[in-house]
């Protein structure tokens, strides 16, 4: 979808911009890209292998005080997961301590869930008075919330105390596609209570056009502004940001991008000739949130806050190292991904 159709953050007068305080500093906000955890060209199909690996990586990254190979009891006690007797699942816990995971937030995209419904009905363009748009709004939310449940269950099976939180249900809304209301107090309360909030891109109400699609990337930027995580990780279906579509045989992986105070960004690594900072991006026809265009824009705004952003391929050793906080300072030669950081930090480390 065209860039002008993406939802962006604007400090609307009705937004509460109170700084939320956590009892424990937020370590990381993770974006599970829709293309990485679903089969994006097959409607409503999850990439089970990738989701399983990512869930395991997250569990290991959260286990700051114990062995990364240690398993913790699962928390999905529903019949579909193969639990025949709930009492058996309860007995697995005993005196075992839970995962120390209260310093992560997870936000996921929709991938093949929701995007098709939204684009076919025009939910992102508004017009709730139209029967097709209203029906599409309902269908989109059914789809994205069903994906949210499956992701929460996958995380819970790894012992991660995850709690699904839908932006629409939590009172997030927009005005001309800019965030107008975003109650993040429940997110902060969940973190302080030892849970991992799992939010997602969602269909939301819009004060002027009736409704729109709120991107998970935009949600992450808003949460980063308020909660100041140590770093942010975007898990995608490609190694990182390229100077052109990665399907192009001449595409070059951009290892490090620096963002200035005014929001302009420049490529630090590698040094490319004739590079004018214009990255050619393609967006799938059914993607109503701007795809990689939105991702780079939101990542740059987060980097301006002094928070490093890592864009890296999901379910790889590179993504695990990013989640684990290993890629700080200079980028290791054997790590493949894109780091977007403030030019101030870049100057300080040089």
C-alpha atoms as a PDB file:
ATOM      1  CA  UNK A   1       0.000   0.000   0.000  1.00  0.00           C
ATOM      2  CA  UNK A   2       1.207   3.532  -0.737  1.00  0.00           C
ATOM      3  CA  UNK A   3       3.229   5.214   1.969  1.00  0.00           C
ATOM      4  CA  UNK A   4       0.631   7.949   2.501  1.00  0.00           C
ATOM      5  CA  UNK A   5      -1.825   5.302   3.673  1.00  0.00           C
ATOM      6  CA  UNK A   6       0.274   4.235   6.633  1.00  0.00           C
ATOM      7  CA  UNK A   7      -0.825   5.192  10.124  1.00  0.00           C
ATOM      8  CA  UNK A   8       1.696   7.373  11.920  1.00  0.00           C
ATOM      9  CA  UNK A   9       2.063   8.798  15.393  1.00  0.00           C
ATOM     10  CA  UNK A  10       1.061  12.397  15.900  1.00  0.00           C
ATOM     11  CA  UNK A  11       0.917  14.029  19.311  1.00  0.00           C
ATOM     12  CA  UNK A  12      -2.822  14.576  19.177  1.00  0.00           C
ATOM     13  CA  UNK A  13      -4.088  16.776  22.038  1.00  0.00           C
ATOM     14  CA  UNK A  14      -6.279  13.944  23.326  1.00  0.00           C
ATOM     15  CA  UNK A  15      -3.411  11.505  23.776  1.00  0.00           C
ATOM     16  CA  UNK A  16      -2.178  11.032  27.306  1.00  0.00           C
ATOM     17  CA  UNK A  17       1.578  11.428  27.042  1.00  0.00           C
ATOM     18  CA  UNK A  18       2.294  10.720  30.698  1.00  0.00           C
ATOM     19  CA  UNK A  19       5.541   8.839  31.092  1.00  0.00           C
ATOM     20  CA  UNK A  20       4.764   5.372  32.356  1.00  0.00           C
ATOM     21  CA  UNK A  21       7.136   3.997  34.943  1.00  0.00           C
ATOM     22  CA  UNK A  22       7.925   0.320  35.290  1.00  0.00           C
ATOM     23  CA  UNK A  23       9.216  -1.348  38.424  1.00  0.00           C
ATOM     24  CA  UNK A  24      11.760  -3.098  36.213  1.00  0.00           C
ATOM     25  CA  UNK A  25      13.346  -1.488  33.131  1.00  0.00           C
ATOM     26  CA  UNK A  26      12.028  -2.718  29.792  1.00  0.00           C
ATOM     27  CA  UNK A  27      14.683  -4.711  28.024  1.00  0.00           C
ATOM     28  CA  UNK A  28      13.293  -5.211  24.543  1.00  0.00           C
ATOM     29  CA  UNK A  29      10.300  -4.713  22.254  1.00  0.00           C
ATOM     30  CA  UNK A  30      10.109  -7.420  19.592  1.00  0.00           C
ATOM     31  CA  UNK A  31       8.204  -7.188  16.320  1.00  0.00           C
ATOM     32  CA  UNK A  32       7.248 -10.536  14.812  1.00  0.00           C
ATOM     33  CA  UNK A  33       6.869  -9.677  11.148  1.00  0.00           C
ATOM     34  CA  UNK A  34       3.787 -11.075   9.470  1.00  0.00           C
ATOM     35  CA  UNK A  35       5.812 -12.345   6.523  1.00  0.00           C
ATOM     36  CA  UNK A  36       8.120 -14.224   8.908  1.00  0.00           C
ATOM     37  CA  UNK A  37       5.504 -16.049  10.964  1.00  0.00           C
ATOM     38  CA  UNK A  38       2.849 -16.666   8.314  1.00  0.00           C
ATOM     39  CA  UNK A  39       2.872 -17.902   4.740  1.00  0.00           C
ATOM     40  CA  UNK A  40       2.049 -14.474   3.395  1.00  0.00           C
ATOM     41  CA  UNK A  41       0.692 -15.568   0.015  1.00  0.00           C
ATOM     42  CA  UNK A  42      -1.573 -18.273   1.475  1.00  0.00           C
ATOM     43  CA  UNK A  43      -4.520 -16.824   3.326  1.00  0.00           C
ATOM     44  CA  UNK A  44      -4.517 -17.496   7.072  1.00  0.00           C
ATOM     45  CA  UNK A  45      -1.684 -20.000   7.125  1.00  0.00           C
ATOM     46  CA  UNK A  46       0.904 -19.880   9.923  1.00  0.00           C
ATOM     47  CA  UNK A  47       4.552 -20.719   9.299  1.00  0.00           C
ATOM     48  CA  UNK A  48       4.617 -23.220  12.154  1.00  0.00           C
ATOM     49  CA  UNK A  49       8.342 -23.954  11.869  1.00  0.00           C
ATOM     50  CA  UNK A  50       9.393 -20.307  12.073  1.00  0.00           C
ATOM     51  CA  UNK A  51       6.947 -19.532  14.878  1.00  0.00           C
ATOM     52  CA  UNK A  52       8.256 -22.488  16.892  1.00  0.00           C
ATOM     53  CA  UNK A  53      11.891 -21.451  16.459  1.00  0.00           C
ATOM     54  CA  UNK A  54      11.153 -17.798  17.259  1.00  0.00           C
ATOM     55  CA  UNK A  55       9.231 -18.793  20.394  1.00  0.00           C
ATOM     56  CA  UNK A  56      12.170 -20.933  21.532  1.00  0.00           C
ATOM     57  CA  UNK A  57      14.626 -18.105  20.819  1.00  0.00           C
ATOM     58  CA  UNK A  58      12.500 -15.704  22.851  1.00  0.00           C
ATOM     59  CA  UNK A  59      12.393 -18.109  25.786  1.00  0.00           C
ATOM     60  CA  UNK A  60      16.165 -18.446  25.705  1.00  0.00           C
ATOM     61  CA  UNK A  61      16.687 -14.695  25.399  1.00  0.00           C
ATOM     62  CA  UNK A  62      14.468 -14.113  28.427  1.00  0.00           C
ATOM     63  CA  UNK A  63      16.334 -16.636  30.590  1.00  0.00           C
ATOM     64  CA  UNK A  64      18.917 -14.149  31.800  1.00  0.00           C
ATOM     65  CA  UNK A  65      19.832 -16.039  34.943  1.00  0.00           C
ATOM     66  CA  UNK A  66      19.759 -19.657  33.859  1.00  0.00           C
ATOM     67  CA  UNK A  67      20.935 -22.040  31.172  1.00  0.00           C
ATOM     68  CA  UNK A  68      19.522 -21.311  27.712  1.00  0.00           C
ATOM     69  CA  UNK A  69      18.879 -25.006  27.231  1.00  0.00           C
ATOM     70  CA  UNK A  70      16.640 -25.287  30.280  1.00  0.00           C
ATOM     71  CA  UNK A  71      12.982 -25.934  29.539  1.00  0.00           C
ATOM     72  CA  UNK A  72      10.206 -24.445  31.604  1.00  0.00           C
ATOM     73  CA  UNK A  73       6.665 -25.827  31.987  1.00  0.00           C
ATOM     74  CA  UNK A  74       4.218 -24.920  29.264  1.00  0.00           C
ATOM     75  CA  UNK A  75       1.199 -22.716  29.947  1.00  0.00           C
ATOM     76  CA  UNK A  76      -1.149 -23.741  27.144  1.00  0.00           C
ATOM     77  CA  UNK A  77      -3.478 -26.139  28.918  1.00  0.00           C
ATOM     78  CA  UNK A  78      -6.132 -26.218  26.229  1.00  0.00           C
ATOM     79  CA  UNK A  79      -7.268 -29.495  24.730  1.00  0.00           C
ATOM     80  CA  UNK A  80      -5.987 -28.580  21.260  1.00  0.00           C
ATOM     81  CA  UNK A  81      -2.393 -28.574  22.471  1.00  0.00           C
ATOM     82  CA  UNK A  82      -2.630 -32.231  23.452  1.00  0.00           C
ATOM     83  CA  UNK A  83      -3.186 -31.798  27.194  1.00  0.00           C
ATOM     84  CA  UNK A  84      -5.491 -34.663  28.154  1.00  0.00           C
ATOM     85  CA  UNK A  85      -5.757 -33.779  31.823  1.00  0.00           C
ATOM     86  CA  UNK A  86      -5.260 -30.277  33.183  1.00  0.00           C
ATOM     87  CA  UNK A  87      -4.193 -31.772  36.493  1.00  0.00           C
ATOM     88  CA  UNK A  88      -1.210 -33.352  34.707  1.00  0.00           C
ATOM     89  CA  UNK A  89      -0.135 -29.962  33.359  1.00  0.00           C
ATOM     90  CA  UNK A  90      -0.531 -28.416  36.814  1.00  0.00           C
ATOM     91  CA  UNK A  91       1.604 -31.143  38.373  1.00  0.00           C
ATOM     92  CA  UNK A  92       4.433 -30.303  35.955  1.00  0.00           C
ATOM     93  CA  UNK A  93       4.999 -27.041  37.790  1.00  0.00           C
ATOM     94  CA  UNK A  94       5.572 -28.233  41.334  1.00  0.00           C
ATOM     95  CA  UNK A  95       8.015 -25.857  42.978  1.00  0.00           C
ATOM     96  CA  UNK A  96       9.659 -24.858  39.713  1.00  0.00           C
ATOM     97  CA  UNK A  97      10.164 -21.120  39.267  1.00  0.00           C
ATOM     98  CA  UNK A  98       8.683 -19.333  36.283  1.00  0.00           C
ATOM     99  CA  UNK A  99      10.589 -17.690  33.469  1.00  0.00           C
ATOM    100  CA  UNK A 100      11.934 -14.259  34.389  1.00  0.00           C
ATOM    101  CA  UNK A 101      10.359 -12.618  31.376  1.00  0.00           C
ATOM    102  CA  UNK A 102       8.810  -9.407  32.645  1.00  0.00           C
ATOM    103  CA  UNK A 103      11.040  -7.168  30.545  1.00  0.00           C
ATOM    104  CA  UNK A 104       9.844  -7.941  27.016  1.00  0.00           C
ATOM    105  CA  UNK A 105       6.936  -6.743  24.882  1.00  0.00           C
ATOM    106  CA  UNK A 106       5.967  -8.583  21.683  1.00  0.00           C
ATOM    107  CA  UNK A 107       4.055  -7.039  18.803  1.00  0.00           C
ATOM    108  CA  UNK A 108       3.207  -9.058  15.700  1.00  0.00           C
ATOM    109  CA  UNK A 109       2.077  -8.240  12.207  1.00  0.00           C
ATOM    110  CA  UNK A 110      -0.822  -9.866  10.396  1.00  0.00           C
ATOM    111  CA  UNK A 111       0.868 -11.423   7.384  1.00  0.00           C
ATOM    112  CA  UNK A 112      -1.721 -13.569   5.630  1.00  0.00           C
ATOM    113  CA  UNK A 113      -4.209 -12.889   8.451  1.00  0.00           C
ATOM    114  CA  UNK A 114      -6.275  -9.723   8.134  1.00  0.00           C
ATOM    115  CA  UNK A 115      -4.489  -8.041   5.239  1.00  0.00           C
ATOM    116  CA  UNK A 116      -6.602  -9.724   2.585  1.00  0.00           C
ATOM    117  CA  UNK A 117      -9.849  -8.946   4.408  1.00  0.00           C
ATOM    118  CA  UNK A 118      -8.832  -5.320   4.958  1.00  0.00           C
ATOM    119  CA  UNK A 119      -7.662  -4.674   1.416  1.00  0.00           C
ATOM    120  CA  UNK A 120     -10.663  -6.336  -0.246  1.00  0.00           C
ATOM    121  CA  UNK A 121     -13.120  -4.269   1.815  1.00  0.00           C
ATOM    122  CA  UNK A 122     -11.129  -1.022   2.013  1.00  0.00           C
ATOM    123  CA  UNK A 123     -11.052  -0.849   5.824  1.00  0.00           C
ATOM    124  CA  UNK A 124      -7.818   1.182   5.746  1.00  0.00           C
ATOM    125  CA  UNK A 125      -9.579   3.893   3.704  1.00  0.00           C
ATOM    126  CA  UNK A 126     -12.459   4.294   6.169  1.00  0.00           C
ATOM    127  CA  UNK A 127     -16.179   4.566   5.511  1.00  0.00           C
ATOM    128  CA  UNK A 128     -17.902   2.523   8.204  1.00  0.00           C
ATOM    129  CA  UNK A 129     -21.291   3.661   6.817  1.00  0.00           C
ATOM    130  CA  UNK A 130     -20.649   1.329   3.875  1.00  0.00           C
ATOM    131  CA  UNK A 131     -21.843  -2.246   4.510  1.00  0.00           C
ATOM    132  CA  UNK A 132     -18.755  -3.759   2.858  1.00  0.00           C
ATOM    133  CA  UNK A 133     -16.373  -1.730   5.022  1.00  0.00           C
ATOM    134  CA  UNK A 134     -18.237  -2.574   8.238  1.00  0.00           C
ATOM    135  CA  UNK A 135     -18.267  -6.262   7.328  1.00  0.00           C
ATOM    136  CA  UNK A 136     -14.570  -6.073   6.408  1.00  0.00           C
ATOM    137  CA  UNK A 137     -13.782  -4.453   9.761  1.00  0.00           C
ATOM    138  CA  UNK A 138     -15.401  -7.392  11.562  1.00  0.00           C
ATOM    139  CA  UNK A 139     -13.725  -9.949   9.282  1.00  0.00           C
ATOM    140  CA  UNK A 140     -10.311  -8.299   9.682  1.00  0.00           C
ATOM    141  CA  UNK A 141     -10.534  -8.350  13.473  1.00  0.00           C
ATOM    142  CA  UNK A 142     -11.677 -11.983  13.519  1.00  0.00           C
ATOM    143  CA  UNK A 143      -8.625 -12.866  11.445  1.00  0.00           C
ATOM    144  CA  UNK A 144      -5.971 -10.874  13.326  1.00  0.00           C
ATOM    145  CA  UNK A 145      -7.235 -11.855  16.771  1.00  0.00           C
ATOM    146  CA  UNK A 146      -7.234 -15.529  15.778  1.00  0.00           C
ATOM    147  CA  UNK A 147      -3.568 -15.160  14.783  1.00  0.00           C
ATOM    148  CA  UNK A 148      -2.849 -13.378  18.064  1.00  0.00           C
ATOM    149  CA  UNK A 149      -4.307 -16.319  19.986  1.00  0.00           C
ATOM    150  CA  UNK A 150      -2.152 -18.817  18.100  1.00  0.00           C
ATOM    151  CA  UNK A 151       0.998 -16.771  18.730  1.00  0.00           C
ATOM    152  CA  UNK A 152       0.163 -16.413  22.422  1.00  0.00           C
ATOM    153  CA  UNK A 153      -0.346 -20.187  22.599  1.00  0.00           C
ATOM    154  CA  UNK A 154       2.988 -20.876  20.859  1.00  0.00           C
ATOM    155  CA  UNK A 155       4.764 -18.606  23.339  1.00  0.00           C
ATOM    156  CA  UNK A 156       2.877 -20.135  26.279  1.00  0.00           C
ATOM    157  CA  UNK A 157       3.962 -23.620  25.230  1.00  0.00           C
ATOM    158  CA  UNK A 158       7.549 -22.405  25.723  1.00  0.00           C
ATOM    159  CA  UNK A 159       6.701 -21.280  29.245  1.00  0.00           C
ATOM    160  CA  UNK A 160       6.464 -17.582  28.352  1.00  0.00           C
ATOM    161  CA  UNK A 161       3.629 -15.982  30.392  1.00  0.00           C
ATOM    162  CA  UNK A 162       2.154 -14.194  27.377  1.00  0.00           C
ATOM    163  CA  UNK A 163      -1.060 -12.176  27.376  1.00  0.00           C
ATOM    164  CA  UNK A 164      -2.791 -11.177  24.151  1.00  0.00           C
ATOM    165  CA  UNK A 165      -3.798  -7.509  23.972  1.00  0.00           C
ATOM    166  CA  UNK A 166      -5.777  -6.145  21.027  1.00  0.00           C
ATOM    167  CA  UNK A 167      -5.333  -2.393  20.432  1.00  0.00           C
ATOM    168  CA  UNK A 168      -9.025  -1.960  19.492  1.00  0.00           C
ATOM    169  CA  UNK A 169     -10.170  -3.596  22.724  1.00  0.00           C
ATOM    170  CA  UNK A 170      -7.647  -1.560  24.740  1.00  0.00           C
ATOM    171  CA  UNK A 171      -9.048   1.712  23.393  1.00  0.00           C
ATOM    172  CA  UNK A 172      -6.484   2.615  20.754  1.00  0.00           C
ATOM    173  CA  UNK A 173      -7.939   4.829  18.002  1.00  0.00           C
ATOM    174  CA  UNK A 174      -6.804   7.253  15.324  1.00  0.00           C
ATOM    175  CA  UNK A 175      -7.708  10.577  13.742  1.00  0.00           C
ATOM    176  CA  UNK A 176      -6.852  10.834  10.042  1.00  0.00           C
ATOM    177  CA  UNK A 177      -4.697   7.739  10.540  1.00  0.00           C
ATOM    178  CA  UNK A 178      -2.672   9.448  13.307  1.00  0.00           C
ATOM    179  CA  UNK A 179      -2.876   7.911  16.776  1.00  0.00           C
ATOM    180  CA  UNK A 180      -5.484   9.844  18.743  1.00  0.00           C
ATOM    181  CA  UNK A 181      -5.891   7.618  21.818  1.00  0.00           C
ATOM    182  CA  UNK A 182      -3.667   4.866  23.156  1.00  0.00           C
ATOM    183  CA  UNK A 183      -4.177   3.625  26.685  1.00  0.00           C
ATOM    184  CA  UNK A 184      -0.907   1.849  27.483  1.00  0.00           C
ATOM    185  CA  UNK A 185      -1.523   1.597  31.222  1.00  0.00           C
ATOM    186  CA  UNK A 186      -2.704  -2.013  30.877  1.00  0.00           C
ATOM    187  CA  UNK A 187       0.497  -2.877  29.030  1.00  0.00           C
ATOM    188  CA  UNK A 188       2.576  -1.419  31.861  1.00  0.00           C
ATOM    189  CA  UNK A 189       0.487  -3.198  34.508  1.00  0.00           C
ATOM    190  CA  UNK A 190       0.876  -6.512  32.697  1.00  0.00           C
ATOM    191  CA  UNK A 191       4.665  -6.103  32.550  1.00  0.00           C
ATOM    192  CA  UNK A 192       4.892  -5.196  36.219  1.00  0.00           C
ATOM    193  CA  UNK A 193       2.769  -8.253  37.035  1.00  0.00           C
ATOM    194  CA  UNK A 194       5.274 -10.504  35.286  1.00  0.00           C
ATOM    195  CA  UNK A 195       3.464 -11.024  31.996  1.00  0.00           C
ATOM    196  CA  UNK A 196       4.621 -10.522  28.421  1.00  0.00           C
ATOM    197  CA  UNK A 197       2.084  -8.377  26.525  1.00  0.00           C
ATOM    198  CA  UNK A 198       1.489  -9.564  22.954  1.00  0.00           C
ATOM    199  CA  UNK A 199      -0.071  -6.837  20.801  1.00  0.00           C
ATOM    200  CA  UNK A 200      -0.793  -6.833  17.086  1.00  0.00           C
ATOM    201  CA  UNK A 201      -1.683  -4.697  14.096  1.00  0.00           C
ATOM    202  CA  UNK A 202      -5.410  -4.114  14.262  1.00  0.00           C
ATOM    203  CA  UNK A 203      -8.468  -2.524  12.693  1.00  0.00           C
ATOM    204  CA  UNK A 204      -9.345   0.501  14.817  1.00  0.00           C
ATOM    205  CA  UNK A 205     -11.841   3.357  14.840  1.00  0.00           C
ATOM    206  CA  UNK A 206     -10.822   6.677  13.305  1.00  0.00           C
ATOM    207  CA  UNK A 207     -12.402   9.943  14.466  1.00  0.00           C
ATOM    208  CA  UNK A 208     -12.710  11.406  10.965  1.00  0.00           C
ATOM    209  CA  UNK A 209     -12.800   8.595   8.420  1.00  0.00           C
ATOM    210  CA  UNK A 210     -14.553   6.030  10.603  1.00  0.00           C
ATOM    211  CA  UNK A 211     -11.891   3.324  10.686  1.00  0.00           C
ATOM    212  CA  UNK A 212      -8.432   2.364   9.491  1.00  0.00           C
ATOM    213  CA  UNK A 213      -5.640  -0.157  10.022  1.00  0.00           C
ATOM    214  CA  UNK A 214      -3.157   0.514  12.825  1.00  0.00           C
ATOM    215  CA  UNK A 215       0.203  -1.017  11.944  1.00  0.00           C
ATOM    216  CA  UNK A 216       2.190  -3.060  14.450  1.00  0.00           C
ATOM    217  CA  UNK A 217       5.259  -0.992  13.516  1.00  0.00           C
ATOM    218  CA  UNK A 218       3.451   2.190  14.580  1.00  0.00           C
ATOM    219  CA  UNK A 219       2.390   0.542  17.847  1.00  0.00           C
ATOM    220  CA  UNK A 220       6.020  -0.306  18.556  1.00  0.00           C
ATOM    221  CA  UNK A 221       7.144   3.266  18.030  1.00  0.00           C
ATOM    222  CA  UNK A 222       4.509   4.573  20.415  1.00  0.00           C
ATOM    223  CA  UNK A 223       5.440   2.015  23.086  1.00  0.00           C
ATOM    224  CA  UNK A 224       9.152   2.786  22.617  1.00  0.00           C
ATOM    225  CA  UNK A 225       8.513   6.495  23.150  1.00  0.00           C
ATOM    226  CA  UNK A 226       6.706   5.842  26.424  1.00  0.00           C
ATOM    227  CA  UNK A 227       8.556   2.848  27.881  1.00  0.00           C
ATOM    228  CA  UNK A 228      12.123   3.400  26.568  1.00  0.00           C
ATOM    229  CA  UNK A 229      13.333  -0.188  25.963  1.00  0.00           C
ATOM    230  CA  UNK A 230      17.043  -0.903  25.804  1.00  0.00           C
ATOM    231  CA  UNK A 231      16.668  -2.039  22.189  1.00  0.00           C
ATOM    232  CA  UNK A 232      14.073  -3.045  19.594  1.00  0.00           C
ATOM    233  CA  UNK A 233      14.192  -6.065  17.269  1.00  0.00           C
ATOM    234  CA  UNK A 234      12.204  -6.418  14.037  1.00  0.00           C
ATOM    235  CA  UNK A 235      12.073 -10.058  12.910  1.00  0.00           C
ATOM    236  CA  UNK A 236      11.456 -10.281   9.157  1.00  0.00           C
ATOM    237  CA  UNK A 237      11.555 -12.783   6.312  1.00  0.00           C
ATOM    238  CA  UNK A 238      14.787 -11.322   4.863  1.00  0.00           C
ATOM    239  CA  UNK A 239      18.241 -10.679   6.349  1.00  0.00           C
ATOM    240  CA  UNK A 240      17.593  -6.972   6.787  1.00  0.00           C
ATOM    241  CA  UNK A 241      17.222  -3.782   4.769  1.00  0.00           C
ATOM    242  CA  UNK A 242      18.612  -3.809   1.246  1.00  0.00           C
ATOM    243  CA  UNK A 243      19.321  -0.952  -1.146  1.00  0.00           C
ATOM    244  CA  UNK A 244      16.726  -2.496  -3.486  1.00  0.00           C
ATOM    245  CA  UNK A 245      14.361  -5.491  -3.411  1.00  0.00           C
ATOM    246  CA  UNK A 246      16.386  -8.493  -2.129  1.00  0.00           C
ATOM    247  CA  UNK A 247      15.195 -10.538  -5.104  1.00  0.00           C
ATOM    248  CA  UNK A 248      17.425  -8.323  -7.264  1.00  0.00           C
ATOM    249  CA  UNK A 249      20.764 -10.086  -7.845  1.00  0.00           C
ATOM    250  CA  UNK A 250      22.580  -6.767  -7.289  1.00  0.00           C
ATOM    251  CA  UNK A 251      20.886  -6.061  -3.951  1.00  0.00           C
ATOM    252  CA  UNK A 252      23.231  -5.028  -1.139  1.00  0.00           C
ATOM    253  CA  UNK A 253      22.462  -5.637   2.558  1.00  0.00           C
ATOM    254  CA  UNK A 254      22.727  -2.387   4.506  1.00  0.00           C
ATOM    255  CA  UNK A 255      24.532  -3.282   7.733  1.00  0.00           C
ATOM    256  CA  UNK A 256      24.233   0.029   9.603  1.00  0.00           C
ATOM    257  CA  UNK A 257      22.067   3.120   9.145  1.00  0.00           C
ATOM    258  CA  UNK A 258      22.533   6.311  11.188  1.00  0.00           C
ATOM    259  CA  UNK A 259      19.611   8.659  11.922  1.00  0.00           C
ATOM    260  CA  UNK A 260      20.183  12.375  12.524  1.00  0.00           C
ATOM    261  CA  UNK A 261      18.270  14.667  14.893  1.00  0.00           C
ATOM    262  CA  UNK A 262      16.091  15.921  12.031  1.00  0.00           C
ATOM    263  CA  UNK A 263      15.132  12.394  11.005  1.00  0.00           C
ATOM    264  CA  UNK A 264      17.367  12.181   7.951  1.00  0.00           C
ATOM    265  CA  UNK A 265      19.280   8.946   7.693  1.00  0.00           C
ATOM    266  CA  UNK A 266      22.491   7.860   6.060  1.00  0.00           C
ATOM    267  CA  UNK A 267      24.113   4.529   5.300  1.00  0.00           C
ATOM    268  CA  UNK A 268      27.209   3.914   7.439  1.00  0.00           C
ATOM    269  CA  UNK A 269      28.009   0.336   6.413  1.00  0.00           C
ATOM    270  CA  UNK A 270      28.760  -0.655   3.745  1.00  0.00           C
ATOM    271  CA  UNK A 271      30.140   2.432   1.982  1.00  0.00           C
ATOM    272  CA  UNK A 272      28.249   2.487  -1.313  1.00  0.00           C
ATOM    273  CA  UNK A 273      29.103   4.556  -4.342  1.00  0.00           C
ATOM    274  CA  UNK A 274      26.404   6.762  -5.861  1.00  0.00           C
ATOM    275  CA  UNK A 275      24.123   6.067  -2.912  1.00  0.00           C
ATOM    276  CA  UNK A 276      21.586   8.836  -2.320  1.00  0.00           C
ATOM    277  CA  UNK A 277      19.917   7.132   0.635  1.00  0.00           C
ATOM    278  CA  UNK A 278      16.914   6.169  -1.476  1.00  0.00           C
ATOM    279  CA  UNK A 279      16.147   2.543  -0.724  1.00  0.00           C
ATOM    280  CA  UNK A 280      13.894   0.987  -3.354  1.00  0.00           C
ATOM    281  CA  UNK A 281      11.140  -0.926  -1.589  1.00  0.00           C
ATOM    282  CA  UNK A 282       8.401  -3.124  -2.969  1.00  0.00           C
ATOM    283  CA  UNK A 283       5.171  -3.700  -1.057  1.00  0.00           C
ATOM    284  CA  UNK A 284       2.803  -6.617  -1.577  1.00  0.00           C
ATOM    285  CA  UNK A 285      -0.463  -5.540  -3.198  1.00  0.00           C
ATOM    286  CA  UNK A 286      -2.536  -6.740  -0.231  1.00  0.00           C
ATOM    287  CA  UNK A 287      -0.372  -5.046   2.420  1.00  0.00           C
ATOM    288  CA  UNK A 288      -2.424  -2.191   3.864  1.00  0.00           C
ATOM    289  CA  UNK A 289       0.233  -0.970   6.315  1.00  0.00           C
ATOM    290  CA  UNK A 290       3.123   0.074   4.068  1.00  0.00           C
ATOM    291  CA  UNK A 291       5.390  -2.961   4.494  1.00  0.00           C
ATOM    292  CA  UNK A 292       9.118  -2.254   4.708  1.00  0.00           C
ATOM    293  CA  UNK A 293       8.509   1.448   3.965  1.00  0.00           C
ATOM    294  CA  UNK A 294       6.667   1.820   7.275  1.00  0.00           C
ATOM    295  CA  UNK A 295       9.199  -0.367   9.060  1.00  0.00           C
ATOM    296  CA  UNK A 296      12.180   1.832   8.084  1.00  0.00           C
ATOM    297  CA  UNK A 297      10.288   5.022   8.874  1.00  0.00           C
ATOM    298  CA  UNK A 298       9.211   3.850  12.328  1.00  0.00           C
ATOM    299  CA  UNK A 299      12.636   2.333  13.082  1.00  0.00           C
ATOM    300  CA  UNK A 300      14.279   5.664  12.260  1.00  0.00           C
ATOM    301  CA  UNK A 301      11.963   7.487  14.674  1.00  0.00           C
ATOM    302  CA  UNK A 302      12.803   4.973  17.417  1.00  0.00           C
ATOM    303  CA  UNK A 303      16.532   5.360  16.728  1.00  0.00           C
ATOM    304  CA  UNK A 304      16.172   9.134  17.164  1.00  0.00           C
ATOM    305  CA  UNK A 305      15.263   8.385  20.785  1.00  0.00           C
ATOM    306  CA  UNK A 306      18.685   6.796  21.270  1.00  0.00           C
ATOM    307  CA  UNK A 307      17.307   3.240  21.070  1.00  0.00           C
ATOM    308  CA  UNK A 308      19.081   0.797  18.745  1.00  0.00           C
ATOM    309  CA  UNK A 309      16.833  -1.040  16.289  1.00  0.00           C
ATOM    310  CA  UNK A 310      17.808  -4.370  14.716  1.00  0.00           C
ATOM    311  CA  UNK A 311      16.090  -5.612  11.556  1.00  0.00           C
ATOM    312  CA  UNK A 312      17.038  -9.251  11.055  1.00  0.00           C
ATOM    313  CA  UNK A 313      15.765 -12.507   9.595  1.00  0.00           C
ATOM    314  CA  UNK A 314      13.575 -14.498  11.981  1.00  0.00           C
ATOM    315  CA  UNK A 315      14.418 -18.023  13.141  1.00  0.00           C
ATOM    316  CA  UNK A 316      18.162 -17.634  12.496  1.00  0.00           C
ATOM    317  CA  UNK A 317      21.221 -17.448  14.710  1.00  0.00           C
ATOM    318  CA  UNK A 318      21.488 -13.784  13.694  1.00  0.00           C
ATOM    319  CA  UNK A 319      18.033 -13.016  15.096  1.00  0.00           C
ATOM    320  CA  UNK A 320      18.729 -14.966  18.281  1.00  0.00           C
ATOM    321  CA  UNK A 321      21.880 -12.919  18.899  1.00  0.00           C
ATOM    322  CA  UNK A 322      19.916  -9.713  18.395  1.00  0.00           C
ATOM    323  CA  UNK A 323      17.146 -10.828  20.773  1.00  0.00           C
ATOM    324  CA  UNK A 324      19.751 -11.833  23.334  1.00  0.00           C
ATOM    325  CA  UNK A 325      21.308  -8.358  23.273  1.00  0.00           C
ATOM    326  CA  UNK A 326      24.644  -9.509  21.858  1.00  0.00           C
ATOM    327  CA  UNK A 327      24.751  -7.036  18.969  1.00  0.00           C
ATOM    328  CA  UNK A 328      25.610  -3.892  20.897  1.00  0.00           C
ATOM    329  CA  UNK A 329      28.231  -1.368  19.851  1.00  0.00           C
ATOM    330  CA  UNK A 330      30.282  -2.452  16.852  1.00  0.00           C
ATOM    331  CA  UNK A 331      28.556  -4.927  14.541  1.00  0.00           C
ATOM    332  CA  UNK A 332      30.358  -8.299  14.458  1.00  0.00           C
ATOM    333  CA  UNK A 333      31.578  -9.335  11.009  1.00  0.00           C
ATOM    334  CA  UNK A 334      29.751 -12.665  11.282  1.00  0.00           C
ATOM    335  CA  UNK A 335      26.364 -11.065  12.063  1.00  0.00           C
ATOM    336  CA  UNK A 336      23.983 -10.350   9.205  1.00  0.00           C
ATOM    337  CA  UNK A 337      21.179  -7.876   9.671  1.00  0.00           C
ATOM    338  CA  UNK A 338      20.606  -4.121   9.725  1.00  0.00           C
ATOM    339  CA  UNK A 339      21.229  -1.877  12.721  1.00  0.00           C
ATOM    340  CA  UNK A 340      19.486   1.499  12.762  1.00  0.00           C
ATOM    341  CA  UNK A 341      20.798   3.825  15.447  1.00  0.00           C
ATOM    342  CA  UNK A 342      21.140   7.479  16.333  1.00  0.00           C
ATOM    343  CA  UNK A 343      24.055   9.266  14.665  1.00  0.00           C
ATOM    344  CA  UNK A 344      24.970  10.547  18.149  1.00  0.00           C
ATOM    345  CA  UNK A 345      25.576   6.989  19.316  1.00  0.00           C
ATOM    346  CA  UNK A 346      27.436   6.245  16.121  1.00  0.00           C
ATOM    347  CA  UNK A 347      29.757   9.190  16.718  1.00  0.00           C
ATOM    348  CA  UNK A 348      30.224   8.189  20.331  1.00  0.00           C
ATOM    349  CA  UNK A 349      31.327   4.662  19.435  1.00  0.00           C
ATOM    350  CA  UNK A 350      33.705   5.745  16.687  1.00  0.00           C
END
